[in-house]
Amino acid sequence: MTWTIKQMSQMTGISVDSLRYYEKYGIVSPGHTENGYRCYNETDYLHLQYLVVLKYAHFSLSEIKAVITSMNTRACDECNRSNLKIFNRKHKELLDMASNYQSIAKLIENLLPMMESSDVYIENELQIKAYVKDIFSQINDKASINGKKSL
């Protein structure tokens, strides 16, 4: 089965312009019909599904391209080591992000009742600022450890 670029855009939620960009970047390689229209197949669809999932998980396009490229090659130890390195690093980053999101969710949960009354907010303002400062430090410390200068 094959699909046009418009159909693939509708199926994946990826804009037509982005599909063209991903083709130019080498993440997908749709065929072309006799009249030059792009023609996406099952493999392209699978690669785009991976792209959407990995992008959602904050993988860079170069990381996504490396993973998808390895899917198109014969299994080898070098590919496995490369992907293992990418996935191990990303796994740690995601665990750190999940921890930070849980802290932020807890902050919001604690803030919600305070929004009903300015008196309650004022009473807890110093505690809130300290909590935000703590979360900020955790995020920056983890970003520094992972080699990221800023968010």
C-alpha atoms as a PDB file:
ATOM      1  CA  MET A   1       0.000   0.000   0.000  1.00  0.00           C
ATOM      2  CA  THR A   2       1.219   3.516  -0.762  1.00  0.00           C
ATOM      3  CA  TRP A   3       0.128   7.012   0.236  1.00  0.00           C
ATOM      4  CA  THR A   4       0.530  10.542  -1.056  1.00  0.00           C
ATOM      5  CA  ILE A   5       2.292  13.197   0.983  1.00  0.00           C
ATOM      6  CA  LYS A   6      -1.077  14.683   1.970  1.00  0.00           C
ATOM      7  CA  GLN A   7      -2.361  11.294   3.135  1.00  0.00           C
ATOM      8  CA  MET A   8       0.843  10.634   5.078  1.00  0.00           C
ATOM      9  CA  SER A   9       0.540  14.053   6.684  1.00  0.00           C
ATOM     10  CA  GLN A  10      -2.994  13.257   7.810  1.00  0.00           C
ATOM     11  CA  MET A  11      -2.011   9.793   9.052  1.00  0.00           C
ATOM     12  CA  THR A  12       0.968  10.985  11.100  1.00  0.00           C
ATOM     13  CA  GLY A  13       0.004  14.528  12.073  1.00  0.00           C
ATOM     14  CA  ILE A  14       3.256  15.753  10.502  1.00  0.00           C
ATOM     15  CA  SER A  15       2.909  18.777   8.238  1.00  0.00           C
ATOM     16  CA  VAL A  16       3.612  18.416   4.523  1.00  0.00           C
ATOM     17  CA  ASP A  17       6.519  20.880   4.850  1.00  0.00           C
ATOM     18  CA  SER A  18       8.016  18.822   7.682  1.00  0.00           C
ATOM     19  CA  LEU A  19       7.648  15.613   5.656  1.00  0.00           C
ATOM     20  CA  ARG A  20       9.611  17.260   2.851  1.00  0.00           C
ATOM     21  CA  TYR A  21      12.233  18.397   5.361  1.00  0.00           C
ATOM     22  CA  TYR A  22      12.565  14.886   6.849  1.00  0.00           C
ATOM     23  CA  GLU A  23      13.036  13.539   3.346  1.00  0.00           C
ATOM     24  CA  LYS A  24      15.752  16.113   2.631  1.00  0.00           C
ATOM     25  CA  TYR A  25      17.371  15.318   6.004  1.00  0.00           C
ATOM     26  CA  GLY A  26      17.404  11.612   5.106  1.00  0.00           C
ATOM     27  CA  ILE A  27      15.014  10.265   7.729  1.00  0.00           C
ATOM     28  CA  VAL A  28      12.541   8.970   5.143  1.00  0.00           C
ATOM     29  CA  SER A  29      12.976   8.162   1.468  1.00  0.00           C
ATOM     30  CA  PRO A  30       9.610   8.035  -0.245  1.00  0.00           C
ATOM     31  CA  GLY A  31       9.474   6.784  -3.779  1.00  0.00           C
ATOM     32  CA  HIS A  32       8.105   8.862  -6.614  1.00  0.00           C
ATOM     33  CA  THR A  33       5.396   8.141  -9.138  1.00  0.00           C
ATOM     34  CA  GLU A  34       5.915   8.598 -12.872  1.00  0.00           C
ATOM     35  CA  ASN A  35       4.595  12.141 -12.620  1.00  0.00           C
ATOM     36  CA  GLY A  36       7.000  12.966  -9.753  1.00  0.00           C
ATOM     37  CA  TYR A  37       4.620  12.818  -6.778  1.00  0.00           C
ATOM     38  CA  ARG A  38       5.965  11.406  -3.542  1.00  0.00           C
ATOM     39  CA  CYS A  39       4.769   7.918  -2.753  1.00  0.00           C
ATOM     40  CA  TYR A  40       5.093   6.766   0.874  1.00  0.00           C
ATOM     41  CA  ASN A  41       5.078   3.044   1.727  1.00  0.00           C
ATOM     42  CA  GLU A  42       4.711   0.959   4.915  1.00  0.00           C
ATOM     43  CA  THR A  43       8.395   1.376   5.792  1.00  0.00           C
ATOM     44  CA  ASP A  44       8.154   5.153   5.490  1.00  0.00           C
ATOM     45  CA  TYR A  45       5.058   5.102   7.672  1.00  0.00           C
ATOM     46  CA  LEU A  46       6.864   3.018  10.309  1.00  0.00           C
ATOM     47  CA  HIS A  47       9.876   5.363  10.232  1.00  0.00           C
ATOM     48  CA  LEU A  48       7.603   8.372  10.686  1.00  0.00           C
ATOM     49  CA  GLN A  49       5.889   6.671  13.619  1.00  0.00           C
ATOM     50  CA  TYR A  50       9.326   6.189  15.198  1.00  0.00           C
ATOM     51  CA  LEU A  51      10.119   9.826  14.447  1.00  0.00           C
ATOM     52  CA  VAL A  52       6.969  11.065  16.184  1.00  0.00           C
ATOM     53  CA  VAL A  53       7.586   8.899  19.258  1.00  0.00           C
ATOM     54  CA  LEU A  54      11.285   9.752  19.497  1.00  0.00           C
ATOM     55  CA  LYS A  55      10.673  13.456  18.908  1.00  0.00           C
ATOM     56  CA  TYR A  56       8.096  13.403  21.691  1.00  0.00           C
ATOM     57  CA  ALA A  57      10.806  11.853  23.885  1.00  0.00           C
ATOM     58  CA  HIS A  58      13.092  14.808  23.024  1.00  0.00           C
ATOM     59  CA  PHE A  59      15.446  12.902  20.732  1.00  0.00           C
ATOM     60  CA  SER A  60      17.345  15.202  18.381  1.00  0.00           C
ATOM     61  CA  LEU A  61      16.883  14.788  14.637  1.00  0.00           C
ATOM     62  CA  SER A  62      20.430  13.456  14.351  1.00  0.00           C
ATOM     63  CA  GLU A  63      19.666  10.832  17.024  1.00  0.00           C
ATOM     64  CA  ILE A  64      16.430   9.918  15.245  1.00  0.00           C
ATOM     65  CA  LYS A  65      18.225   9.654  11.935  1.00  0.00           C
ATOM     66  CA  ALA A  66      20.868   7.370  13.468  1.00  0.00           C
ATOM     67  CA  VAL A  67      18.208   5.062  14.930  1.00  0.00           C
ATOM     68  CA  ILE A  68      16.165   4.929  11.734  1.00  0.00           C
ATOM     69  CA  THR A  69      19.261   4.464   9.568  1.00  0.00           C
ATOM     70  CA  SER A  70      20.255   1.474  11.689  1.00  0.00           C
ATOM     71  CA  MET A  71      16.795   0.015  11.093  1.00  0.00           C
ATOM     72  CA  ASN A  72      17.560   0.021   7.361  1.00  0.00           C
ATOM     73  CA  THR A  73      20.897  -1.750   7.660  1.00  0.00           C
ATOM     74  CA  ARG A  74      21.828  -5.302   8.458  1.00  0.00           C
ATOM     75  CA  ALA A  75      22.070  -5.860  12.210  1.00  0.00           C
ATOM     76  CA  CYS A  76      25.614  -5.343  13.437  1.00  0.00           C
ATOM     77  CA  ASP A  77      27.429  -4.863  16.722  1.00  0.00           C
ATOM     78  CA  GLU A  78      28.497  -1.332  15.779  1.00  0.00           C
ATOM     79  CA  CYS A  79      24.864  -0.286  15.147  1.00  0.00           C
ATOM     80  CA  ASN A  80      23.826  -1.854  18.433  1.00  0.00           C
ATOM     81  CA  ARG A  81      26.564  -0.038  20.365  1.00  0.00           C
ATOM     82  CA  SER A  82      25.650   3.261  18.734  1.00  0.00           C
ATOM     83  CA  ASN A  83      21.939   2.849  19.474  1.00  0.00           C
ATOM     84  CA  LEU A  84      22.666   1.582  22.987  1.00  0.00           C
ATOM     85  CA  LYS A  85      24.647   4.735  23.687  1.00  0.00           C
ATOM     86  CA  ILE A  86      21.841   6.948  22.351  1.00  0.00           C
ATOM     87  CA  PHE A  87      19.101   5.083  24.237  1.00  0.00           C
ATOM     88  CA  ASN A  88      21.039   4.890  27.525  1.00  0.00           C
ATOM     89  CA  ARG A  89      21.688   8.642  27.479  1.00  0.00           C
ATOM     90  CA  LYS A  90      18.102   9.435  26.554  1.00  0.00           C
ATOM     91  CA  HIS A  91      16.749   7.037  29.185  1.00  0.00           C
ATOM     92  CA  LYS A  92      18.647   8.910  31.895  1.00  0.00           C
ATOM     93  CA  GLU A  93      17.498  12.276  30.529  1.00  0.00           C
ATOM     94  CA  LEU A  94      13.869  11.113  30.503  1.00  0.00           C
ATOM     95  CA  LEU A  95      14.084   9.815  34.063  1.00  0.00           C
ATOM     96  CA  ASP A  96      15.527  13.177  35.144  1.00  0.00           C
ATOM     97  CA  MET A  97      12.769  15.022  33.284  1.00  0.00           C
ATOM     98  CA  ALA A  98      10.099  12.802  34.832  1.00  0.00           C
ATOM     99  CA  SER A  99      11.465  13.576  38.277  1.00  0.00           C
ATOM    100  CA  ASN A 100      11.458  17.301  37.522  1.00  0.00           C
ATOM    101  CA  TYR A 101       7.914  17.146  36.137  1.00  0.00           C
ATOM    102  CA  GLN A 102       6.762  15.337  39.277  1.00  0.00           C
ATOM    103  CA  SER A 103       8.265  18.105  41.413  1.00  0.00           C
ATOM    104  CA  ILE A 104       6.599  20.759  39.288  1.00  0.00           C
ATOM    105  CA  ALA A 105       3.260  18.911  39.412  1.00  0.00           C
ATOM    106  CA  LYS A 106       3.552  18.797  43.206  1.00  0.00           C
ATOM    107  CA  LEU A 107       4.285  22.528  43.247  1.00  0.00           C
ATOM    108  CA  ILE A 108       1.192  23.228  41.163  1.00  0.00           C
ATOM    109  CA  GLU A 109      -0.892  20.928  43.352  1.00  0.00           C
ATOM    110  CA  ASN A 110       0.237  22.910  46.401  1.00  0.00           C
ATOM    111  CA  LEU A 111      -0.385  26.232  44.645  1.00  0.00           C
ATOM    112  CA  LEU A 112      -3.941  25.485  43.551  1.00  0.00           C
ATOM    113  CA  PRO A 113      -5.589  25.989  46.959  1.00  0.00           C
ATOM    114  CA  MET A 114      -3.563  29.171  47.446  1.00  0.00           C
ATOM    115  CA  MET A 115      -5.050  30.747  44.356  1.00  0.00           C
ATOM    116  CA  GLU A 116      -8.432  30.990  46.035  1.00  0.00           C
ATOM    117  CA  SER A 117      -7.226  33.545  48.542  1.00  0.00           C
ATOM    118  CA  SER A 118      -4.477  36.139  48.351  1.00  0.00           C
ATOM    119  CA  ASP A 119      -4.069  35.899  52.125  1.00  0.00           C
ATOM    120  CA  VAL A 120      -3.204  32.206  51.913  1.00  0.00           C
ATOM    121  CA  TYR A 121      -0.805  32.890  49.049  1.00  0.00           C
ATOM    122  CA  ILE A 122       0.952  35.705  50.920  1.00  0.00           C
ATOM    123  CA  GLU A 123       1.203  33.498  53.987  1.00  0.00           C
ATOM    124  CA  ASN A 124       3.008  30.789  51.957  1.00  0.00           C
ATOM    125  CA  GLU A 125       4.885  32.978  49.478  1.00  0.00           C
ATOM    126  CA  LEU A 126       8.357  32.388  50.972  1.00  0.00           C
ATOM    127  CA  GLN A 127       7.831  28.625  51.028  1.00  0.00           C
ATOM    128  CA  ILE A 128       6.675  28.689  47.384  1.00  0.00           C
ATOM    129  CA  LYS A 129       9.684  30.736  46.289  1.00  0.00           C
ATOM    130  CA  ALA A 130      12.031  28.351  48.107  1.00  0.00           C
ATOM    131  CA  TYR A 131      10.375  25.354  46.428  1.00  0.00           C
ATOM    132  CA  VAL A 132      10.664  26.945  42.973  1.00  0.00           C
ATOM    133  CA  LYS A 133      14.305  27.813  43.662  1.00  0.00           C
ATOM    134  CA  ASP A 134      14.966  24.193  44.670  1.00  0.00           C
ATOM    135  CA  ILE A 135      13.356  22.840  41.484  1.00  0.00           C
ATOM    136  CA  PHE A 136      15.298  25.396  39.423  1.00  0.00           C
ATOM    137  CA  SER A 137      18.566  24.230  41.009  1.00  0.00           C
ATOM    138  CA  GLN A 138      17.741  20.569  40.368  1.00  0.00           C
ATOM    139  CA  ILE A 139      16.992  21.267  36.714  1.00  0.00           C
ATOM    140  CA  ASN A 140      20.153  23.326  36.220  1.00  0.00           C
ATOM    141  CA  ASP A 141      22.323  20.805  38.059  1.00  0.00           C
ATOM    142  CA  LYS A 142      21.025  17.963  35.875  1.00  0.00           C
ATOM    143  CA  ALA A 143      21.436  20.084  32.731  1.00  0.00           C
ATOM    144  CA  SER A 144      25.050  20.816  33.699  1.00  0.00           C
ATOM    145  CA  ILE A 145      25.765  17.136  34.344  1.00  0.00           C
ATOM    146  CA  ASN A 146      24.293  16.228  30.943  1.00  0.00           C
ATOM    147  CA  GLY A 147      26.449  18.865  29.244  1.00  0.00           C
ATOM    148  CA  LYS A 148      23.634  21.274  28.440  1.00  0.00           C
ATOM    149  CA  LYS A 149      24.343  24.941  29.072  1.00  0.00           C
ATOM    150  CA  SER A 150      20.776  26.104  29.406  1.00  0.00           C
ATOM    151  CA  LEU A 151      17.228  24.978  28.787  1.00  0.00           C
END
